[in-house]
PDB file of N, CA and C in Angstrom:
ATOM      1  N   MET A   1     158.827  42.555  35.898  1.00  0.00           N
ATOM      2  CA  MET A   1     158.520  43.428  37.073  1.00  0.00           C
ATOM      3  C   MET A   1     157.623  44.452  36.782  1.00  0.00           C
ATOM      4  N   SER A   2     156.573  44.382  37.543  1.00  0.00           N
ATOM      5  CA  SER A   2     155.399  45.442  37.331  1.00  0.00           C
ATOM      6  C   SER A   2     155.432  46.422  38.331  1.00  0.00           C
ATOM      7  N   LEU A   3     156.097  47.475  38.006  1.00  0.00           N
ATOM      8  CA  LEU A   3     156.109  48.603  38.993  1.00  0.00           C
ATOM      9  C   LEU A   3     154.956  49.570  38.858  1.00  0.00           C
ATOM     10  N   ASN A   4     154.305  49.701  37.729  1.00  0.00           N
ATOM     11  CA  ASN A   4     153.414  50.545  37.337  1.00  0.00           C
ATOM     12  C   ASN A   4     152.007  49.862  36.895  1.00  0.00           C
ATOM     13  N   ASN A   5     150.910  50.474  37.168  1.00  0.00           N
ATOM     14  CA  ASN A   5     149.640  49.826  36.792  1.00  0.00           C
ATOM     15  C   ASN A   5     148.828  51.113  36.166  1.00  0.00           C
ATOM     16  N   PHE A   6     149.094  51.094  34.729  1.00  0.00           N
ATOM     17  CA  PHE A   6     148.407  52.302  34.035  1.00  0.00           C
ATOM     18  C   PHE A   6     147.022  52.192  33.863  1.00  0.00           C
ATOM     19  N   ALA A   7     146.456  50.721  34.092  1.00  0.00           N
ATOM     20  CA  ALA A   7     145.082  50.627  33.975  1.00  0.00           C
ATOM     21  C   ALA A   7     144.268  50.950  35.343  1.00  0.00           C
ATOM     22  N   SER A   8     145.026  51.299  36.177  1.00  0.00           N
ATOM     23  CA  SER A   8     144.433  51.509  37.597  1.00  0.00           C
ATOM     24  C   SER A   8     143.390  52.511  37.509  1.00  0.00           C
ATOM     25  N   GLN A   9     142.562  52.323  38.511  1.00  0.00           N
ATOM     26  CA  GLN A   9     141.424  53.389  38.674  1.00  0.00           C
ATOM     27  C   GLN A   9     141.792  54.542  39.625  1.00  0.00           C
ATOM     28  N   GLU A  10     143.027  54.480  40.121  1.00  0.00           N
ATOM     29  CA  GLU A  10     143.627  55.424  41.074  1.00  0.00           C
ATOM     30  C   GLU A  10     143.621  56.725  40.192  1.00  0.00           C
ATOM     31  N   LYS A  11     143.530  57.822  40.973  1.00  0.00           N
ATOM     32  CA  LYS A  11     143.486  59.359  40.423  1.00  0.00           C
ATOM     33  C   LYS A  11     144.892  59.457  39.423  1.00  0.00           C
ATOM     34  N   GLU A  12     146.068  59.052  39.854  1.00  0.00           N
ATOM     35  CA  GLU A  12     147.182  59.242  39.123  1.00  0.00           C
ATOM     36  C   GLU A  12     147.469  58.329  37.985  1.00  0.00           C
ATOM     37  N   GLY A  13     146.917  57.211  38.171  1.00  0.00           N
ATOM     38  CA  GLY A  13     147.119  56.113  36.989  1.00  0.00           C
ATOM     39  C   GLY A  13     148.377  55.363  37.165  1.00  0.00           C
ATOM     40  N   PHE A  14     148.912  55.431  38.313  1.00  0.00           N
ATOM     41  CA  PHE A  14     150.112  54.564  38.570  1.00  0.00           C
ATOM     42  C   PHE A  14     150.183  54.193  39.956  1.00  0.00           C
ATOM     43  N   ILE A  15     150.720  53.012  40.142  1.00  0.00           N
ATOM     44  CA  ILE A  15     151.064  52.653  41.613  1.00  0.00           C
ATOM     45  C   ILE A  15     152.470  51.986  41.616  1.00  0.00           C
ATOM     46  N   LEU A  16     153.356  52.574  42.227  1.00  0.00           N
ATOM     47  CA  LEU A  16     154.776  51.982  42.197  1.00  0.00           C
ATOM     48  C   LEU A  16     154.839  51.145  43.408  1.00  0.00           C
ATOM     49  N   ASN A  17     155.207  49.845  43.281  1.00  0.00           N
ATOM     50  CA  ASN A  17     155.347  48.876  44.356  1.00  0.00           C
ATOM     51  C   ASN A  17     156.635  48.172  44.234  1.00  0.00           C
ATOM     52  N   GLU A  18     157.597  48.661  45.014  1.00  0.00           N
ATOM     53  CA  GLU A  18     158.827  48.141  44.943  1.00  0.00           C
ATOM     54  C   GLU A  18     158.963  46.684  45.461  1.00  0.00           C
ATOM     55  N   ASN A  19     157.914  46.282  46.219  1.00  0.00           N
ATOM     56  CA  ASN A  19     157.897  44.850  46.602  1.00  0.00           C
ATOM     57  C   ASN A  19     157.651  43.872  45.424  1.00  0.00           C
ATOM     58  N   ASN A  20     157.449  44.340  44.329  1.00  0.00           N
ATOM     59  CA  ASN A  20     157.113  43.480  43.044  1.00  0.00           C
ATOM     60  C   ASN A  20     158.525  43.286  42.518  1.00  0.00           C
ATOM     61  N   TYR A  21     159.565  43.891  42.865  1.00  0.00           N
ATOM     62  CA  TYR A  21     160.884  43.826  42.282  1.00  0.00           C
ATOM     63  C   TYR A  21     161.431  42.328  42.687  1.00  0.00           C
ATOM     64  N   PRO A  22     161.948  41.505  41.827  1.00  0.00           N
ATOM     65  CA  PRO A  22     162.519  40.201  42.243  1.00  0.00           C
ATOM     66  C   PRO A  22     163.750  40.244  43.286  1.00  0.00           C
ATOM     67  N   ASN A  23     163.644  39.566  44.357  1.00  0.00           N
ATOM     68  CA  ASN A  23     164.661  39.503  45.284  1.00  0.00           C
ATOM     69  C   ASN A  23     165.797  38.733  44.660  1.00  0.00           C
ATOM     70  N   ASP A  24     166.941  38.686  45.480  1.00  0.00           N
ATOM     71  CA  ASP A  24     168.171  38.048  45.106  1.00  0.00           C
ATOM     72  C   ASP A  24     167.953  36.616  44.674  1.00  0.00           C
ATOM     73  N   GLU A  25     167.201  35.803  45.460  1.00  0.00           N
ATOM     74  CA  GLU A  25     166.912  34.522  45.247  1.00  0.00           C
ATOM     75  C   GLU A  25     166.094  34.207  43.891  1.00  0.00           C
ATOM     76  N   MET A  26     165.146  35.084  43.713  1.00  0.00           N
ATOM     77  CA  MET A  26     164.253  35.079  42.494  1.00  0.00           C
ATOM     78  C   MET A  26     165.176  35.332  41.238  1.00  0.00           C
ATOM     79  N   GLN A  27     165.973  36.369  41.410  1.00  0.00           N
ATOM     80  CA  GLN A  27     166.872  36.739  40.311  1.00  0.00           C
ATOM     81  C   GLN A  27     167.862  35.497  39.911  1.00  0.00           C
ATOM     82  N   GLU A  28     168.491  35.042  41.076  1.00  0.00           N
ATOM     83  CA  GLU A  28     169.420  33.947  40.928  1.00  0.00           C
ATOM     84  C   GLU A  28     168.726  32.757  40.132  1.00  0.00           C
ATOM     85  N   LYS A  29     167.523  32.368  40.451  1.00  0.00           N
ATOM     86  CA  LYS A  29     166.821  31.323  39.890  1.00  0.00           C
ATOM     87  C   LYS A  29     166.552  31.667  38.356  1.00  0.00           C
ATOM     88  N   PHE A  30     166.215  32.763  38.148  1.00  0.00           N
ATOM     89  CA  PHE A  30     166.047  33.168  36.777  1.00  0.00           C
ATOM     90  C   PHE A  30     167.326  33.065  35.851  1.00  0.00           C
ATOM     91  N   PHE A  31     168.331  33.628  36.544  1.00  0.00           N
ATOM     92  CA  PHE A  31     169.506  33.641  35.695  1.00  0.00           C
ATOM     93  C   PHE A  31     170.015  32.210  35.476  1.00  0.00           C
ATOM     94  N   LYS A  32     169.910  31.366  36.491  1.00  0.00           N
ATOM     95  CA  LYS A  32     170.434  29.973  36.219  1.00  0.00           C
ATOM     96  C   LYS A  32     169.582  29.308  35.169  1.00  0.00           C
ATOM     97  N   SER A  33     168.296  29.476  35.183  1.00  0.00           N
ATOM     98  CA  SER A  33     167.376  28.856  34.067  1.00  0.00           C
ATOM     99  C   SER A  33     167.777  29.580  32.849  1.00  0.00           C
ATOM    100  N   TYR A  34     167.978  30.843  32.608  1.00  0.00           N
ATOM    101  CA  TYR A  34     168.329  31.496  31.542  1.00  0.00           C
ATOM    102  C   TYR A  34     169.607  31.014  30.965  1.00  0.00           C
ATOM    103  N   LEU A  35     170.747  30.903  31.811  1.00  0.00           N
ATOM    104  CA  LEU A  35     171.986  30.418  31.199  1.00  0.00           C
ATOM    105  C   LEU A  35     172.014  28.992  30.901  1.00  0.00           C
ATOM    106  N   SER A  36     171.227  28.276  31.515  1.00  0.00           N
ATOM    107  CA  SER A  36     171.082  26.770  31.171  1.00  0.00           C
ATOM    108  C   SER A  36     170.571  26.553  29.712  1.00  0.00           C
ATOM    109  N   VAL A  37     169.843  27.434  29.344  1.00  0.00           N
ATOM    110  CA  VAL A  37     169.401  27.317  27.873  1.00  0.00           C
ATOM    111  C   VAL A  37     170.436  27.991  27.039  1.00  0.00           C
ATOM    112  N   TYR A  38     170.942  29.272  27.534  1.00  0.00           N
ATOM    113  CA  TYR A  38     171.778  29.935  26.559  1.00  0.00           C
ATOM    114  C   TYR A  38     173.112  29.143  26.321  1.00  0.00           C
ATOM    115  N   ASP A  39     173.508  28.635  27.441  1.00  0.00           N
ATOM    116  CA  ASP A  39     174.802  27.836  27.322  1.00  0.00           C
ATOM    117  C   ASP A  39     174.850  26.616  28.310  1.00  0.00           C
ATOM    118  N   PRO A  40     174.373  25.510  27.923  1.00  0.00           N
ATOM    119  CA  PRO A  40     174.110  24.342  28.842  1.00  0.00           C
ATOM    120  C   PRO A  40     175.499  23.918  29.559  1.00  0.00           C
ATOM    121  N   SER A  41     176.685  24.212  28.795  1.00  0.00           N
ATOM    122  CA  SER A  41     177.900  23.798  29.403  1.00  0.00           C
ATOM    123  C   SER A  41     178.289  24.591  30.665  1.00  0.00           C
ATOM    124  N   LEU A  42     177.575  25.741  30.971  1.00  0.00           N
ATOM    125  CA  LEU A  42     177.770  26.507  32.113  1.00  0.00           C
ATOM    126  C   LEU A  42     177.154  25.872  33.541  1.00  0.00           C
ATOM    127  N   ASN A  43     176.284  24.866  33.280  1.00  0.00           N
ATOM    128  CA  ASN A  43     175.577  24.235  34.493  1.00  0.00           C
ATOM    129  C   ASN A  43     176.596  23.589  35.357  1.00  0.00           C
ATOM    130  N   ASP A  44     177.699  22.958  34.759  1.00  0.00           N
ATOM    131  CA  ASP A  44     178.650  22.317  35.600  1.00  0.00           C
ATOM    132  C   ASP A  44     180.022  23.064  35.685  1.00  0.00           C
ATOM    133  N   SER A  45     179.830  24.448  35.254  1.00  0.00           N
ATOM    134  CA  SER A  45     181.097  25.268  35.301  1.00  0.00           C
ATOM    135  C   SER A  45     181.326  25.880  36.724  1.00  0.00           C
ATOM    136  N   SER A  46     182.606  26.118  36.921  1.00  0.00           N
ATOM    137  CA  SER A  46     182.865  26.962  38.166  1.00  0.00           C
ATOM    138  C   SER A  46     182.717  28.365  37.895  1.00  0.00           C
ATOM    139  N   GLU A  47     182.446  28.679  36.707  1.00  0.00           N
ATOM    140  CA  GLU A  47     182.250  30.144  36.346  1.00  0.00           C
ATOM    141  C   GLU A  47     180.895  30.645  36.540  1.00  0.00           C
ATOM    142  N   LEU A  48     179.859  29.644  36.793  1.00  0.00           N
ATOM    143  CA  LEU A  48     178.375  29.915  36.911  1.00  0.00           C
ATOM    144  C   LEU A  48     178.264  31.023  37.983  1.00  0.00           C
ATOM    145  N   GLU A  49     178.756  30.848  39.267  1.00  0.00           N
ATOM    146  CA  GLU A  49     178.602  31.753  40.263  1.00  0.00           C
ATOM    147  C   GLU A  49     178.974  33.210  39.849  1.00  0.00           C
ATOM    148  N   THR A  50     180.226  33.314  39.318  1.00  0.00           N
ATOM    149  CA  THR A  50     180.890  34.461  38.828  1.00  0.00           C
ATOM    150  C   THR A  50     179.998  35.207  37.830  1.00  0.00           C
ATOM    151  N   ILE A  51     179.384  34.416  36.812  1.00  0.00           N
ATOM    152  CA  ILE A  51     178.524  35.035  36.001  1.00  0.00           C
ATOM    153  C   ILE A  51     177.265  35.480  36.369  1.00  0.00           C
ATOM    154  N   ILE A  52     176.644  34.769  37.351  1.00  0.00           N
ATOM    155  CA  ILE A  52     175.502  35.157  37.933  1.00  0.00           C
ATOM    156  C   ILE A  52     175.724  36.425  38.842  1.00  0.00           C
ATOM    157  N   ASN A  53     176.694  36.496  39.488  1.00  0.00           N
ATOM    158  CA  ASN A  53     177.023  37.777  40.313  1.00  0.00           C
ATOM    159  C   ASN A  53     177.046  38.934  39.421  1.00  0.00           C
ATOM    160  N   GLN A  54     177.812  38.664  38.373  1.00  0.00           N
ATOM    161  CA  GLN A  54     178.023  39.887  37.402  1.00  0.00           C
ATOM    162  C   GLN A  54     176.699  40.298  36.834  1.00  0.00           C
ATOM    163  N   MET A  55     175.819  39.318  36.403  1.00  0.00           N
ATOM    164  CA  MET A  55     174.569  39.741  35.898  1.00  0.00           C
ATOM    165  C   MET A  55     173.672  40.274  36.872  1.00  0.00           C
ATOM    166  N   LYS A  56     173.716  39.851  38.274  1.00  0.00           N
ATOM    167  CA  LYS A  56     172.915  40.566  39.308  1.00  0.00           C
ATOM    168  C   LYS A  56     173.439  42.149  39.426  1.00  0.00           C
ATOM    169  N   LYS A  57     174.818  42.332  39.330  1.00  0.00           N
ATOM    170  CA  LYS A  57     175.260  43.671  39.452  1.00  0.00           C
ATOM    171  C   LYS A  57     174.841  44.609  38.335  1.00  0.00           C
ATOM    172  N   GLU A  58     174.800  43.964  37.088  1.00  0.00           N
ATOM    173  CA  GLU A  58     174.430  44.809  35.865  1.00  0.00           C
ATOM    174  C   GLU A  58     172.882  45.057  35.925  1.00  0.00           C
ATOM    175  N   VAL A  59     172.132  44.177  36.390  1.00  0.00           N
ATOM    176  CA  VAL A  59     170.641  44.313  36.517  1.00  0.00           C
ATOM    177  C   VAL A  59     170.403  45.450  37.650  1.00  0.00           C
ATOM    178  N   TRP A  60     171.165  45.369  38.736  1.00  0.00           N
ATOM    179  CA  TRP A  60     170.813  46.261  39.833  1.00  0.00           C
ATOM    180  C   TRP A  60     171.135  47.743  39.317  1.00  0.00           C
ATOM    181  N   LEU A  61     172.413  47.877  38.635  1.00  0.00           N
ATOM    182  CA  LEU A  61     172.871  49.171  38.117  1.00  0.00           C
ATOM    183  C   LEU A  61     172.027  49.712  37.168  1.00  0.00           C
ATOM    184  N   TYR A  62     171.383  48.987  36.307  1.00  0.00           N
ATOM    185  CA  TYR A  62     170.379  49.347  35.147  1.00  0.00           C
ATOM    186  C   TYR A  62     169.147  49.741  35.693  1.00  0.00           C
ATOM    187  N   ALA A  63     168.638  48.846  36.614  1.00  0.00           N
ATOM    188  CA  ALA A  63     167.318  49.111  37.376  1.00  0.00           C
ATOM    189  C   ALA A  63     167.419  50.560  38.072  1.00  0.00           C
ATOM    190  N   ARG A  64     168.496  50.726  38.784  1.00  0.00           N
ATOM    191  CA  ARG A  64     168.609  51.955  39.586  1.00  0.00           C
ATOM    192  C   ARG A  64     168.757  53.176  38.633  1.00  0.00           C
ATOM    193  N   LEU A  65     169.481  52.919  37.472  1.00  0.00           N
ATOM    194  CA  LEU A  65     169.501  54.182  36.544  1.00  0.00           C
ATOM    195  C   LEU A  65     168.152  54.400  35.821  1.00  0.00           C
ATOM    196  N   SER A  66     167.498  53.310  35.674  1.00  0.00           N
ATOM    197  CA  SER A  66     166.143  53.461  35.097  1.00  0.00           C
ATOM    198  C   SER A  66     165.224  54.358  36.086  1.00  0.00           C
ATOM    199  N   HIS A  67     165.361  54.073  37.240  1.00  0.00           N
ATOM    200  CA  HIS A  67     164.568  54.944  38.195  1.00  0.00           C
ATOM    201  C   HIS A  67     164.927  56.428  38.048  1.00  0.00           C
ATOM    202  N   ALA A  68     166.192  56.761  37.900  1.00  0.00           N
ATOM    203  CA  ALA A  68     166.629  58.070  37.787  1.00  0.00           C
ATOM    204  C   ALA A  68     166.164  58.599  36.462  1.00  0.00           C
ATOM    205  N   GLN A  69     166.274  57.932  35.323  1.00  0.00           N
ATOM    206  CA  GLN A  69     165.891  58.398  34.124  1.00  0.00           C
ATOM    207  C   GLN A  69     164.351  58.601  34.036  1.00  0.00           C
ATOM    208  N   TRP A  70     163.595  57.758  34.605  1.00  0.00           N
ATOM    209  CA  TRP A  70     162.081  58.030  34.641  1.00  0.00           C
ATOM    210  C   TRP A  70     161.795  59.102  35.416  1.00  0.00           C
ATOM    211  N   CYS A  71     162.517  59.446  36.528  1.00  0.00           N
ATOM    212  CA  CYS A  71     162.283  60.590  37.407  1.00  0.00           C
ATOM    213  C   CYS A  71     162.410  61.844  36.585  1.00  0.00           C
ATOM    214  N   VAL A  72     163.595  61.972  35.944  1.00  0.00           N
ATOM    215  CA  VAL A  72     163.944  63.155  35.099  1.00  0.00           C
ATOM    216  C   VAL A  72     162.951  63.297  34.135  1.00  0.00           C
ATOM    217  N   ARG A  73     162.723  62.154  33.352  1.00  0.00           N
ATOM    218  CA  ARG A  73     161.586  62.361  32.342  1.00  0.00           C
ATOM    219  C   ARG A  73     160.404  62.889  32.639  1.00  0.00           C
ATOM    220  N   ALA A  74     159.903  62.443  33.816  1.00  0.00           N
ATOM    221  CA  ALA A  74     158.430  62.884  34.351  1.00  0.00           C
ATOM    222  C   ALA A  74     158.646  64.430  34.631  1.00  0.00           C
ATOM    223  N   ILE A  75     159.781  64.797  35.259  1.00  0.00           N
ATOM    224  CA  ILE A  75     159.790  66.326  35.605  1.00  0.00           C
ATOM    225  C   ILE A  75     159.828  67.093  34.161  1.00  0.00           C
ATOM    226  N   ILE A  76     160.591  66.568  33.264  1.00  0.00           N
ATOM    227  CA  ILE A  76     160.616  67.258  31.961  1.00  0.00           C
ATOM    228  C   ILE A  76     159.302  67.289  31.365  1.00  0.00           C
ATOM    229  N   LYS A  77     158.591  66.107  31.333  1.00  0.00           N
ATOM    230  CA  LYS A  77     157.350  65.983  30.651  1.00  0.00           C
ATOM    231  C   LYS A  77     156.267  66.857  31.271  1.00  0.00           C
ATOM    232  N   ARG A  78     156.312  67.046  32.508  1.00  0.00           N
ATOM    233  CA  ARG A  78     155.290  67.877  33.271  1.00  0.00           C
ATOM    234  C   ARG A  78     155.537  69.302  32.765  1.00  0.00           C
ATOM    235  N   GLN A  79     156.603  69.835  32.445  1.00  0.00           N
ATOM    236  CA  GLN A  79     156.916  71.108  31.984  1.00  0.00           C
ATOM    237  C   GLN A  79     156.350  71.320  30.449  1.00  0.00           C
ATOM    238  N   GLU A  80     156.395  70.157  29.597  1.00  0.00           N
ATOM    239  CA  GLU A  80     156.107  70.308  28.390  1.00  0.00           C
ATOM    240  C   GLU A  80     154.673  70.064  27.959  1.00  0.00           C
ATOM    241  N   THR A  81     153.789  69.517  28.864  1.00  0.00           N
ATOM    242  CA  THR A  81     152.506  68.957  28.467  1.00  0.00           C
ATOM    243  C   THR A  81     151.432  69.740  29.266  1.00  0.00           C
ATOM    244  N   THR A  82     150.281  69.582  28.637  1.00  0.00           N
ATOM    245  CA  THR A  82     149.070  70.248  29.475  1.00  0.00           C
ATOM    246  C   THR A  82     148.226  69.016  29.976  1.00  0.00           C
ATOM    247  N   ILE A  83     148.543  67.767  29.777  1.00  0.00           N
ATOM    248  CA  ILE A  83     147.905  66.739  30.140  1.00  0.00           C
ATOM    249  C   ILE A  83     147.991  66.666  31.743  1.00  0.00           C
ATOM    250  N   LYS A  84     146.850  66.546  32.347  1.00  0.00           N
ATOM    251  CA  LYS A  84     146.725  66.542  33.932  1.00  0.00           C
ATOM    252  C   LYS A  84     147.151  64.984  34.265  1.00  0.00           C
ATOM    253  N   TRP A  85     148.292  64.860  34.855  1.00  0.00           N
ATOM    254  CA  TRP A  85     148.639  63.571  35.243  1.00  0.00           C
ATOM    255  C   TRP A  85     149.647  63.807  36.439  1.00  0.00           C
ATOM    256  N   GLY A  86     149.777  62.963  37.263  1.00  0.00           N
ATOM    257  CA  GLY A  86     150.638  63.120  38.527  1.00  0.00           C
ATOM    258  C   GLY A  86     152.231  63.042  38.182  1.00  0.00           C
ATOM    259  N   TYR A  87     152.672  63.797  37.221  1.00  0.00           N
ATOM    260  CA  TYR A  87     154.263  63.853  36.848  1.00  0.00           C
ATOM    261  C   TYR A  87     155.026  63.941  38.030  1.00  0.00           C
ATOM    262  N   TYR A  88     154.801  64.886  38.809  1.00  0.00           N
ATOM    263  CA  TYR A  88     155.741  65.274  39.957  1.00  0.00           C
ATOM    264  C   TYR A  88     155.650  64.051  40.962  1.00  0.00           C
ATOM    265  N   GLU A  89     154.504  63.560  41.210  1.00  0.00           N
ATOM    266  CA  GLU A  89     154.285  62.474  42.194  1.00  0.00           C
ATOM    267  C   GLU A  89     155.148  61.193  41.604  1.00  0.00           C
ATOM    268  N   TYR A  90     154.989  60.956  40.422  1.00  0.00           N
ATOM    269  CA  TYR A  90     155.580  59.853  39.792  1.00  0.00           C
ATOM    270  C   TYR A  90     157.095  59.960  39.841  1.00  0.00           C
ATOM    271  N   ALA A  91     157.568  61.186  39.586  1.00  0.00           N
ATOM    272  CA  ALA A  91     159.158  61.503  39.622  1.00  0.00           C
ATOM    273  C   ALA A  91     159.436  61.259  41.081  1.00  0.00           C
ATOM    274  N   GLN A  92     158.718  61.753  42.079  1.00  0.00           N
ATOM    275  CA  GLN A  92     159.026  61.592  43.485  1.00  0.00           C
ATOM    276  C   GLN A  92     159.218  60.081  43.766  1.00  0.00           C
ATOM    277  N   GLN A  93     158.214  59.323  43.376  1.00  0.00           N
ATOM    278  CA  GLN A  93     158.310  57.895  43.611  1.00  0.00           C
ATOM    279  C   GLN A  93     159.458  57.294  43.065  1.00  0.00           C
ATOM    280  N   ARG A  94     159.735  57.518  41.760  1.00  0.00           N
ATOM    281  CA  ARG A  94     160.907  56.870  41.102  1.00  0.00           C
ATOM    282  C   ARG A  94     162.242  57.378  41.784  1.00  0.00           C
ATOM    283  N   LEU A  95     162.299  58.559  42.294  1.00  0.00           N
ATOM    284  CA  LEU A  95     163.466  59.094  42.935  1.00  0.00           C
ATOM    285  C   LEU A  95     163.621  58.305  44.328  1.00  0.00           C
ATOM    286  N   THR A  96     162.366  58.130  45.014  1.00  0.00           N
ATOM    287  CA  THR A  96     162.355  57.259  46.191  1.00  0.00           C
ATOM    288  C   THR A  96     163.017  55.859  45.903  1.00  0.00           C
ATOM    289  N   ALA A  97     162.567  55.255  44.921  1.00  0.00           N
ATOM    290  CA  ALA A  97     162.801  53.915  44.537  1.00  0.00           C
ATOM    291  C   ALA A  97     164.491  53.839  44.282  1.00  0.00           C
ATOM    292  N   PHE A  98     164.896  54.903  43.578  1.00  0.00           N
ATOM    293  CA  PHE A  98     166.377  55.079  43.303  1.00  0.00           C
ATOM    294  C   PHE A  98     167.137  55.041  44.600  1.00  0.00           C
ATOM    295  N   TYR A  99     166.735  55.893  45.443  1.00  0.00           N
ATOM    296  CA  TYR A  99     167.369  55.846  46.809  1.00  0.00           C
ATOM    297  C   TYR A  99     167.228  54.654  47.590  1.00  0.00           C
ATOM    298  N   ASN A 100     166.023  54.088  47.520  1.00  0.00           N
ATOM    299  CA  ASN A 100     165.913  52.734  48.277  1.00  0.00           C
ATOM    300  C   ASN A 100     166.706  51.638  47.860  1.00  0.00           C
ATOM    301  N   MET A 101     167.084  51.618  46.435  1.00  0.00           N
ATOM    302  CA  MET A 101     167.956  50.676  46.078  1.00  0.00           C
ATOM    303  C   MET A 101     169.255  50.668  46.707  1.00  0.00           C
ATOM    304  N   GLY A 102     169.634  51.968  46.957  1.00  0.00           N
ATOM    305  CA  GLY A 102     170.876  52.197  47.639  1.00  0.00           C
ATOM    306  C   GLY A 102     172.109  51.670  47.170  1.00  0.00           C
ATOM    307  N   GLN A 103     173.223  51.668  47.912  1.00  0.00           N
ATOM    308  CA  GLN A 103     174.390  50.896  47.581  1.00  0.00           C
ATOM    309  C   GLN A 103     174.311  49.560  47.874  1.00  0.00           C
ATOM    310  N   LYS A 104     175.079  48.618  47.166  1.00  0.00           N
ATOM    311  CA  LYS A 104     174.877  47.215  47.189  1.00  0.00           C
ATOM    312  C   LYS A 104     176.175  46.701  47.073  1.00  0.00           C
ATOM    313  N   GLU A 105     176.466  45.748  48.014  1.00  0.00           N
ATOM    314  CA  GLU A 105     177.834  45.005  47.911  1.00  0.00           C
ATOM    315  C   GLU A 105     177.514  43.792  47.161  1.00  0.00           C
ATOM    316  N   PHE A 106     178.548  43.610  46.246  1.00  0.00           N
ATOM    317  CA  PHE A 106     178.518  42.218  45.262  1.00  0.00           C
ATOM    318  C   PHE A 106     179.766  41.537  45.600  1.00  0.00           C
TER     319      PHE A 106
END
């Protein structure tokens, strides 16, 4: 997932694009591929769907928490540094992404 582009020529040096985040279909395809190598016996297992749903839930939770963590880190870093960078703007974008992920039913 490429949410940031630090090589960008944009003033702030980052572009947060939530559309780059993999949708449910892409995640499920990835998880099936991963699990087929990790444990080939799961391919024919009735547990596969349950395991994939659990993985999707964990990924969603940690992705959402990551947005919160980077938001807080940017605010703190802005207070500690003299580097001119868009810390508050970055924090705002991460907080928006956190809220946009919202609640999800699994």
